[in-house]
Amino acid sequence: MPINKSWEQHIAVFGESGSGKTIMLSSFFGSAQEPEFIQQNLFRIVADDGGQGNKLHQNYLGMRDESRVPITDRFTSTTYNFSLKLKANSQPKKHKSPFSSVKLVWHDYPGEWFESGVKNELEAERRIETFRNLLQSDVALILIDSQRLISSPGEENLYLKSLLGNLRNTLLSLQDDIIPDGKKLEKFPRIWVFALSKCDLLPEYDVYRFRDLLIAKVAGEITELREVISSFVTGQEALSVGDDFVLLSSAQFKSDRIETRKRIGVDLMLPVASVLPLQRHLHWAETLTLPGKLSKFLISGVGAGVSLLIKYNNRLPAPFAKALLKVTPGMVDEIANLAGEALDKLQKSALQNKDYLAATIAGFQKDLENAEQANTLLRREP
């Protein structure tokens, strides 16, 4: 099976207007330009479009230095491409990476299209094209706005039902345009994560309380949303909707200042976009009876990341091609669910060999572990 030369991870972000998408993206990119981020990490995050990068960095600096909240562009759908630039000479020849670049593609779906629909034919075409672009995503975030929950004490279910209903109806309205021949898709966001945005406004909430709120108030609507999403895809068993939860805060907003260093969850966007699909896709390919073509498709999408973990785990079968073509029982635990000492060992070995890409992927897994221990992330059990 050919290995992708460019490991490109896509994430789609859905949320109503004012739910914090622009601020979160600005915080994600801007904080990565801070000296301490560059010093503490083995890579830099660079915007492929310099103009986009400058705008996001400007938004971040406005929050950090002037306590100014960035202005959002209504009805504007934008795709942001970021590259991870590893330290110089980080890939010695004998440990050459199986792919040439690592990218994160961030798709922002305008919240206004959930609330008021489209106004003309041109906007309708833009909406369809926007959705087609984000079909490449493995992970989709559904933002739940803490401010809206606070504004509806005792009636949170009304807001939540409206949000999920609008998302469900939007998907249904696009279905004939996305799959006009009725042929279901292999490539479609298969991991839908619920995220509590602006969670600093609800300091009493941990990720378990957030999960319990959704289950208590809108369990039926989550099931209905999953049914609609499943109508788009082949292999409906390989789908996760509302099984993962995360708390997000782009900064701590006070009356006189914005503390950009007090972020929650934003730094998990890279690990969520890369490691979570790796784990979930391998698990599905190993445990589910899926069409052969779909099973190979799921594995190939995370092949590059798996190869890095195999290289530094002597307990796994080699060579890499054989490991991918024949997923053996227990491989998921060995590759994607390394934890604790085993994960530390993998990262240490990669660092000793100056294979910073492998060390970075292992670091992403550790970031997810730490977030779980801090009760800001809840992942579905395999």
Protein backbone atom coordinates (compact mmCIF):
# COMPACT_ATOMS: atom_id res chain seq x y z
CA MET A 1 0.00 0.00 0.00
CA PRO A 2 1.51 3.40 -0.91
CA ILE A 3 2.30 5.71 1.96
CA ASN A 4 1.21 9.33 1.68
CA LYS A 5 4.16 11.61 0.99
CA SER A 6 2.42 14.49 2.70
CA TRP A 7 0.70 13.81 6.00
CA GLU A 8 -2.18 16.26 5.92
CA GLN A 9 -4.71 16.37 8.74
CA HIS A 10 -7.96 18.31 8.34
CA ILE A 11 -10.23 19.61 11.09
CA ALA A 12 -13.66 21.20 10.55
CA VAL A 13 -15.12 23.61 13.11
CA PHE A 14 -18.88 24.12 13.38
CA GLY A 15 -20.47 26.67 15.65
CA GLU A 16 -23.03 29.44 15.61
CA SER A 17 -21.96 33.05 15.13
CA GLY A 18 -20.31 34.36 18.29
CA SER A 19 -19.36 30.91 19.56
CA GLY A 20 -15.65 31.75 19.49
CA LYS A 21 -14.32 30.20 16.26
CA THR A 22 -12.29 33.23 15.14
CA ILE A 23 -10.86 33.87 18.60
CA MET A 24 -9.92 30.21 19.01
CA LEU A 25 -8.11 30.08 15.67
CA SER A 26 -6.29 33.34 16.43
CA SER A 27 -5.29 32.03 19.85
CA PHE A 28 -4.10 28.72 18.36
CA PHE A 29 -1.85 30.39 15.79
CA GLY A 30 -0.79 33.46 17.76
CA SER A 31 0.27 31.54 20.85
CA ALA A 32 2.41 29.30 18.61
CA GLN A 33 4.44 32.38 17.63
CA GLU A 34 5.39 33.14 21.22
CA PRO A 35 9.08 32.55 22.11
CA GLU A 36 8.26 30.06 24.86
CA PHE A 37 6.24 27.89 22.44
CA ILE A 38 9.09 27.83 19.95
CA GLN A 39 11.62 27.02 22.68
CA GLN A 40 9.53 24.26 24.26
CA ASN A 41 8.51 22.45 21.09
CA LEU A 42 10.36 20.59 18.36
CA PHE A 43 8.51 22.41 15.60
CA ARG A 44 7.11 25.74 14.53
CA ILE A 45 3.63 26.36 13.15
CA VAL A 46 3.71 28.42 9.96
CA ALA A 47 0.76 29.71 7.95
CA ASP A 48 1.12 28.73 4.29
CA ASP A 49 -0.66 31.97 3.35
CA GLY A 50 1.38 34.81 4.85
CA GLY A 51 -1.55 37.19 4.75
CA GLN A 52 -3.75 34.83 6.74
CA GLY A 53 -0.96 34.27 9.24
CA ASN A 54 -0.41 38.00 9.75
CA LYS A 55 -4.13 38.56 10.29
CA LEU A 56 -4.40 35.79 12.87
CA HIS A 57 -1.24 36.97 14.63
CA GLN A 58 -2.57 40.52 14.62
CA ASN A 59 -5.81 39.31 16.21
CA TYR A 60 -3.82 37.52 18.91
CA LEU A 61 -1.59 40.53 19.63
CA GLY A 62 -4.67 42.73 19.85
CA MET A 63 -6.03 40.44 22.56
CA ARG A 64 -2.70 40.08 24.36
CA ASP A 65 -1.54 43.71 24.31
CA GLU A 66 -4.70 45.79 23.95
CA SER A 67 -7.44 43.49 25.32
CA ARG A 68 -9.18 43.87 21.97
CA VAL A 69 -11.47 41.09 20.76
CA PRO A 70 -11.06 40.42 17.01
CA ILE A 71 -13.90 41.29 14.67
CA THR A 72 -15.38 38.30 12.88
CA ASP A 73 -16.15 38.25 9.17
CA ARG A 74 -19.79 37.32 8.79
CA PHE A 75 -20.75 34.76 6.15
CA THR A 76 -17.06 34.27 5.29
CA SER A 77 -15.84 30.72 4.88
CA THR A 78 -12.09 30.36 5.03
CA THR A 79 -9.72 27.44 4.89
CA TYR A 80 -6.42 27.89 6.73
CA ASN A 81 -3.37 25.81 5.85
CA PHE A 82 -0.63 25.42 8.43
CA SER A 83 2.69 23.61 8.10
CA LEU A 84 4.73 22.12 10.92
CA LYS A 85 8.35 23.10 10.42
CA LEU A 86 10.65 20.77 12.32
CA LYS A 87 14.01 21.76 13.75
CA ALA A 88 16.78 21.91 11.19
CA ASN A 89 18.53 18.63 10.41
CA SER A 90 15.89 16.77 12.40
CA GLN A 91 15.62 13.82 10.04
CA PRO A 92 18.95 11.97 9.74
CA LYS A 93 19.18 9.86 6.61
CA LYS A 94 18.88 6.54 8.43
CA HIS A 95 15.69 7.75 10.10
CA LYS A 96 14.20 9.53 7.13
CA SER A 97 10.49 10.18 7.49
CA PRO A 98 8.16 8.26 5.12
CA PHE A 99 6.62 11.55 4.10
CA SER A 100 7.91 14.98 3.21
CA SER A 101 5.66 17.36 5.12
CA VAL A 102 3.11 17.64 7.92
CA LYS A 103 0.17 19.98 7.52
CA LEU A 104 -2.93 20.97 9.44
CA VAL A 105 -5.86 22.27 7.39
CA TRP A 106 -8.48 24.15 9.41
CA HIS A 107 -11.96 24.58 7.87
CA ASP A 108 -14.21 27.25 9.40
CA TYR A 109 -17.91 26.87 8.54
CA PRO A 110 -19.80 30.19 8.97
CA GLY A 111 -22.22 30.02 11.86
CA GLU A 112 -24.65 32.36 10.13
CA TRP A 113 -25.48 29.60 7.65
CA PHE A 114 -26.92 27.57 10.53
CA GLU A 115 -29.09 30.36 11.84
CA SER A 116 -30.45 32.16 8.79
CA GLY A 117 -29.64 30.03 5.79
CA VAL A 118 -28.46 31.45 2.48
CA LYS A 119 -29.84 34.58 0.84
CA ASN A 120 -29.11 34.05 -2.84
CA GLU A 121 -27.84 31.56 -5.39
CA LEU A 122 -24.24 32.72 -5.15
CA GLU A 123 -24.21 32.23 -1.39
CA ALA A 124 -25.83 28.82 -1.81
CA GLU A 125 -23.02 27.80 -4.16
CA ARG A 126 -20.42 29.07 -1.69
CA ARG A 127 -22.01 27.05 1.08
CA ILE A 128 -21.92 23.85 -1.00
CA GLU A 129 -18.30 24.46 -2.02
CA THR A 130 -17.33 25.16 1.59
CA PHE A 131 -18.86 21.91 2.73
CA ARG A 132 -17.20 19.95 -0.06
CA ASN A 133 -13.83 21.33 1.04
CA LEU A 134 -14.28 20.20 4.62
CA LEU A 135 -15.25 16.67 3.55
CA GLN A 136 -11.53 15.91 3.70
CA SER A 137 -11.62 16.29 7.48
CA ASP A 138 -11.35 13.32 9.79
CA VAL A 139 -12.37 15.35 12.84
CA ALA A 140 -15.19 17.86 13.25
CA LEU A 141 -15.68 20.06 16.30
CA ILE A 142 -19.18 21.14 17.34
CA LEU A 143 -18.85 24.21 19.54
CA ILE A 144 -21.24 24.63 22.47
CA ASP A 145 -21.15 28.28 23.59
CA SER A 146 -20.79 28.67 27.37
CA GLN A 147 -22.16 32.21 27.15
CA ARG A 148 -25.39 30.89 25.63
CA LEU A 149 -25.69 28.31 28.42
CA ILE A 150 -25.23 31.01 31.07
CA SER A 151 -27.86 33.15 29.37
CA SER A 152 -30.40 30.32 29.56
CA PRO A 153 -30.37 29.12 33.18
CA GLY A 154 -32.73 26.19 33.57
CA GLU A 155 -33.50 26.26 29.85
CA GLU A 156 -30.20 25.07 28.44
CA ASN A 157 -32.06 22.39 26.51
CA LEU A 158 -33.72 25.04 24.31
CA TYR A 159 -30.36 26.36 23.13
CA LEU A 160 -28.87 22.91 22.72
CA LYS A 161 -31.87 21.56 20.83
CA SER A 162 -31.80 24.59 18.51
CA LEU A 163 -28.06 24.24 17.85
CA LEU A 164 -28.18 20.53 17.05
CA GLY A 165 -31.40 20.89 15.08
CA ASN A 166 -29.88 23.64 12.91
CA LEU A 167 -26.80 21.50 12.27
CA ARG A 168 -28.93 18.47 11.43
CA ASN A 169 -31.15 20.45 9.07
CA THR A 170 -28.15 22.07 7.37
CA LEU A 171 -26.67 18.66 6.65
CA LEU A 172 -29.97 17.42 5.27
CA SER A 173 -30.34 20.46 3.03
CA LEU A 174 -26.89 19.84 1.55
CA GLN A 175 -27.26 16.10 1.05
CA ASP A 176 -28.57 16.12 -2.52
CA ASP A 177 -25.77 18.45 -3.59
CA ILE A 178 -23.02 16.50 -1.82
CA ILE A 179 -24.15 13.04 -2.91
CA PRO A 180 -26.43 13.73 -5.93
CA ASP A 181 -26.25 10.14 -7.14
CA GLY A 182 -27.00 8.72 -3.69
CA LYS A 183 -23.63 6.99 -3.57
CA LYS A 184 -22.34 7.30 -0.03
CA LEU A 185 -18.91 8.69 0.75
CA GLU A 186 -15.76 7.11 2.13
CA LYS A 187 -14.10 10.43 2.88
CA PHE A 188 -16.25 12.34 5.35
CA PRO A 189 -15.70 13.60 8.90
CA ARG A 190 -16.11 10.44 10.97
CA ILE A 191 -15.17 11.78 14.40
CA TRP A 192 -17.50 14.50 15.72
CA VAL A 193 -16.29 16.01 18.99
CA PHE A 194 -18.43 18.19 21.25
CA ALA A 195 -16.44 21.18 22.56
CA LEU A 196 -17.48 23.59 25.31
CA SER A 197 -16.16 26.91 24.02
CA LYS A 198 -15.43 29.85 26.37
CA CYS A 199 -15.28 27.30 29.20
CA ASP A 200 -13.53 29.88 31.43
CA LEU A 201 -17.03 31.33 31.93
CA LEU A 202 -18.07 28.06 33.58
CA PRO A 203 -15.14 27.30 35.90
CA GLU A 204 -17.24 24.78 37.83
CA TYR A 205 -17.46 22.56 34.75
CA ASP A 206 -15.07 19.74 34.03
CA VAL A 207 -15.40 17.57 30.92
CA TYR A 208 -17.56 15.01 32.72
CA ARG A 209 -20.09 17.61 33.81
CA PHE A 210 -20.16 18.92 30.23
CA ARG A 211 -20.82 15.42 28.90
CA ASP A 212 -23.53 14.81 31.47
CA LEU A 213 -25.25 18.08 30.55
CA LEU A 214 -25.49 17.05 26.89
CA ILE A 215 -26.66 13.53 27.66
CA ALA A 216 -29.27 14.79 30.13
CA LYS A 217 -30.63 17.52 27.88
CA VAL A 218 -30.23 16.38 24.26
CA ALA A 219 -29.39 12.66 24.09
CA GLY A 220 -32.17 12.15 21.54
CA GLU A 221 -30.96 15.02 19.35
CA ILE A 222 -27.41 13.61 19.38
CA THR A 223 -28.79 10.27 18.19
CA GLU A 224 -30.74 12.02 15.42
CA LEU A 225 -27.64 13.94 14.37
CA ARG A 226 -25.66 10.72 14.18
CA GLU A 227 -28.33 9.15 11.98
CA VAL A 228 -28.16 12.07 9.56
CA ILE A 229 -24.36 11.98 9.45
CA SER A 230 -24.41 8.22 8.92
CA SER A 231 -26.64 8.72 5.87
CA PHE A 232 -23.66 10.34 4.14
CA VAL A 233 -21.08 7.60 4.70
CA THR A 234 -20.24 4.03 3.85
CA GLY A 235 -19.44 1.78 6.78
CA GLN A 236 -21.72 3.45 9.29
CA GLU A 237 -20.11 1.47 12.12
CA ALA A 238 -16.92 3.47 11.53
CA LEU A 239 -18.45 6.66 12.86
CA SER A 240 -18.16 8.46 16.18
CA VAL A 241 -20.63 11.23 17.02
CA GLY A 242 -20.76 12.59 20.54
CA ASP A 243 -18.33 10.05 21.99
CA ASP A 244 -15.55 12.58 22.63
CA PHE A 245 -15.71 15.83 24.60
CA VAL A 246 -13.28 18.68 25.21
CA LEU A 247 -13.22 21.98 27.09
CA LEU A 248 -11.94 25.01 25.16
CA SER A 249 -11.00 28.50 26.27
CA SER A 250 -8.98 30.73 23.95
CA ALA A 251 -7.99 33.03 26.82
CA GLN A 252 -9.26 34.24 30.17
CA PHE A 253 -11.39 37.32 29.59
CA LYS A 254 -11.57 39.80 32.47
CA SER A 255 -13.17 43.21 32.68
CA ASP A 256 -9.87 45.04 32.19
CA ARG A 257 -7.69 42.58 30.30
CA ILE A 258 -7.46 39.39 28.25
CA GLU A 259 -4.97 36.86 29.58
CA THR A 260 -3.95 34.96 26.47
CA ARG A 261 -1.62 32.61 28.31
CA LYS A 262 -4.51 31.18 30.31
CA ARG A 263 -5.79 28.87 27.58
CA ILE A 264 -7.62 25.59 27.94
CA GLY A 265 -7.74 22.95 25.24
CA VAL A 266 -6.64 25.15 22.33
CA ASP A 267 -3.19 23.56 22.33
CA LEU A 268 -4.91 20.17 21.85
CA MET A 269 -6.04 20.97 18.31
CA LEU A 270 -2.95 19.43 16.69
CA PRO A 271 -3.05 16.27 18.83
CA VAL A 272 -6.82 15.90 18.31
CA ALA A 273 -6.48 16.32 14.54
CA SER A 274 -3.58 13.87 14.22
CA VAL A 275 -3.53 11.27 17.00
CA LEU A 276 -7.27 10.84 17.52
CA PRO A 277 -7.91 9.70 13.91
CA LEU A 278 -4.86 7.45 14.10
CA GLN A 279 -6.28 5.67 17.13
CA ARG A 280 -9.87 5.51 15.96
CA HIS A 281 -9.20 4.46 12.36
CA LEU A 282 -6.90 1.62 13.38
CA HIS A 283 -9.43 0.44 15.95
CA TRP A 284 -12.21 0.40 13.35
CA ALA A 285 -10.08 -1.37 10.78
CA GLU A 286 -9.09 -4.02 13.33
CA THR A 287 -12.40 -4.68 15.08
CA LEU A 288 -15.16 -4.01 12.54
CA THR A 289 -16.24 -5.99 9.51
CA LEU A 290 -15.93 -3.28 6.88
CA PRO A 291 -15.74 -3.40 3.09
CA GLY A 292 -12.12 -4.13 2.14
CA LYS A 293 -11.78 -0.89 0.23
CA LEU A 294 -12.99 1.19 3.16
CA SER A 295 -10.75 -0.64 5.64
CA LYS A 296 -7.68 0.03 3.51
CA PHE A 297 -8.79 3.64 3.06
CA LEU A 298 -9.02 4.18 6.83
CA ILE A 299 -5.58 2.70 7.41
CA SER A 300 -3.88 4.56 4.55
CA GLY A 301 -5.12 7.87 5.94
CA VAL A 302 -3.05 7.42 9.10
CA GLY A 303 -0.26 5.35 7.60
CA ALA A 304 2.44 7.97 8.00
CA GLY A 305 1.77 8.45 11.69
CA VAL A 306 1.66 4.72 12.32
CA SER A 307 5.00 4.24 10.60
CA LEU A 308 6.66 6.62 13.01
CA LEU A 309 5.34 4.76 16.03
CA ILE A 310 6.26 1.36 14.60
CA LYS A 311 9.83 2.48 14.02
CA TYR A 312 10.43 3.04 17.73
CA ASN A 313 8.48 0.12 19.15
CA ASN A 314 10.46 -3.10 18.82
CA ARG A 315 7.50 -5.23 19.88
CA LEU A 316 5.64 -4.48 16.64
CA PRO A 317 5.97 -6.48 13.44
CA ALA A 318 8.02 -5.07 10.57
CA PRO A 319 8.32 -3.98 7.87
CA PHE A 320 5.83 -1.16 7.86
CA ALA A 321 4.08 -2.19 4.64
CA LYS A 322 3.32 -5.64 6.05
CA ALA A 323 2.02 -4.11 9.27
CA LEU A 324 -0.42 -1.94 7.36
CA LEU A 325 -1.63 -4.60 4.96
CA LYS A 326 -2.34 -7.04 7.75
CA VAL A 327 -3.69 -5.45 10.90
CA THR A 328 -3.12 -8.07 13.57
CA PRO A 329 -5.00 -8.46 16.87
CA GLY A 330 -3.60 -6.22 19.55
CA MET A 331 -1.88 -3.87 17.15
CA VAL A 332 -4.09 -0.98 18.16
CA ASP A 333 -3.00 -1.24 21.77
CA GLU A 334 0.63 -1.49 20.70
CA ILE A 335 0.63 1.40 18.24
CA ALA A 336 -2.03 3.96 18.92
CA ASN A 337 -2.73 3.49 22.61
CA LEU A 338 0.79 3.61 23.97
CA ALA A 339 0.72 5.24 27.37
CA GLY A 340 2.81 5.98 30.41
CA GLU A 341 6.29 4.45 30.44
CA ALA A 342 5.97 2.91 26.97
CA LEU A 343 5.13 6.29 25.49
CA ASP A 344 7.98 7.96 27.38
CA LYS A 345 10.35 5.29 26.05
CA LEU A 346 9.21 5.84 22.48
CA GLN A 347 9.65 9.60 22.74
CA LYS A 348 13.07 9.28 24.39
CA SER A 349 14.29 6.90 21.69
CA ALA A 350 13.09 9.25 18.96
CA LEU A 351 14.81 12.22 20.59
CA GLN A 352 18.08 10.33 20.91
CA ASN A 353 17.95 9.64 17.18
CA LYS A 354 17.03 13.28 16.51
CA ASP A 355 13.87 12.07 14.83
CA TYR A 356 11.84 15.03 16.02
CA LEU A 357 8.79 14.15 13.99
CA ALA A 358 8.35 10.82 15.74
CA ALA A 359 9.01 12.53 19.07
CA THR A 360 6.39 15.15 18.22
CA ILE A 361 3.73 12.54 17.47
CA ALA A 362 4.53 10.78 20.74
CA GLY A 363 4.33 14.17 22.45
CA PHE A 364 0.88 14.72 20.99
CA GLN A 365 -0.27 11.46 22.55
CA LYS A 366 1.15 12.58 25.90
CA ASP A 367 -0.71 15.89 25.54
CA LEU A 368 -3.98 13.98 25.16
CA GLU A 369 -3.16 11.83 28.20
CA ASN A 370 -2.41 14.91 30.29
CA ALA A 371 -5.66 16.57 29.21
CA GLU A 372 -7.60 13.47 30.25
CA GLN A 373 -5.93 13.51 33.66
CA ALA A 374 -6.84 17.21 33.99
CA ASN A 375 -10.48 16.40 33.12
CA THR A 376 -10.48 18.72 30.10
CA LEU A 377 -10.68 15.89 27.55
CA LEU A 378 -12.78 12.76 27.45
CA ARG A 379 -12.09 10.23 24.70
CA ARG A 380 -14.22 7.28 23.78
CA GLU A 381 -12.90 3.99 25.08
CA PRO A 382 -11.84 1.63 22.25
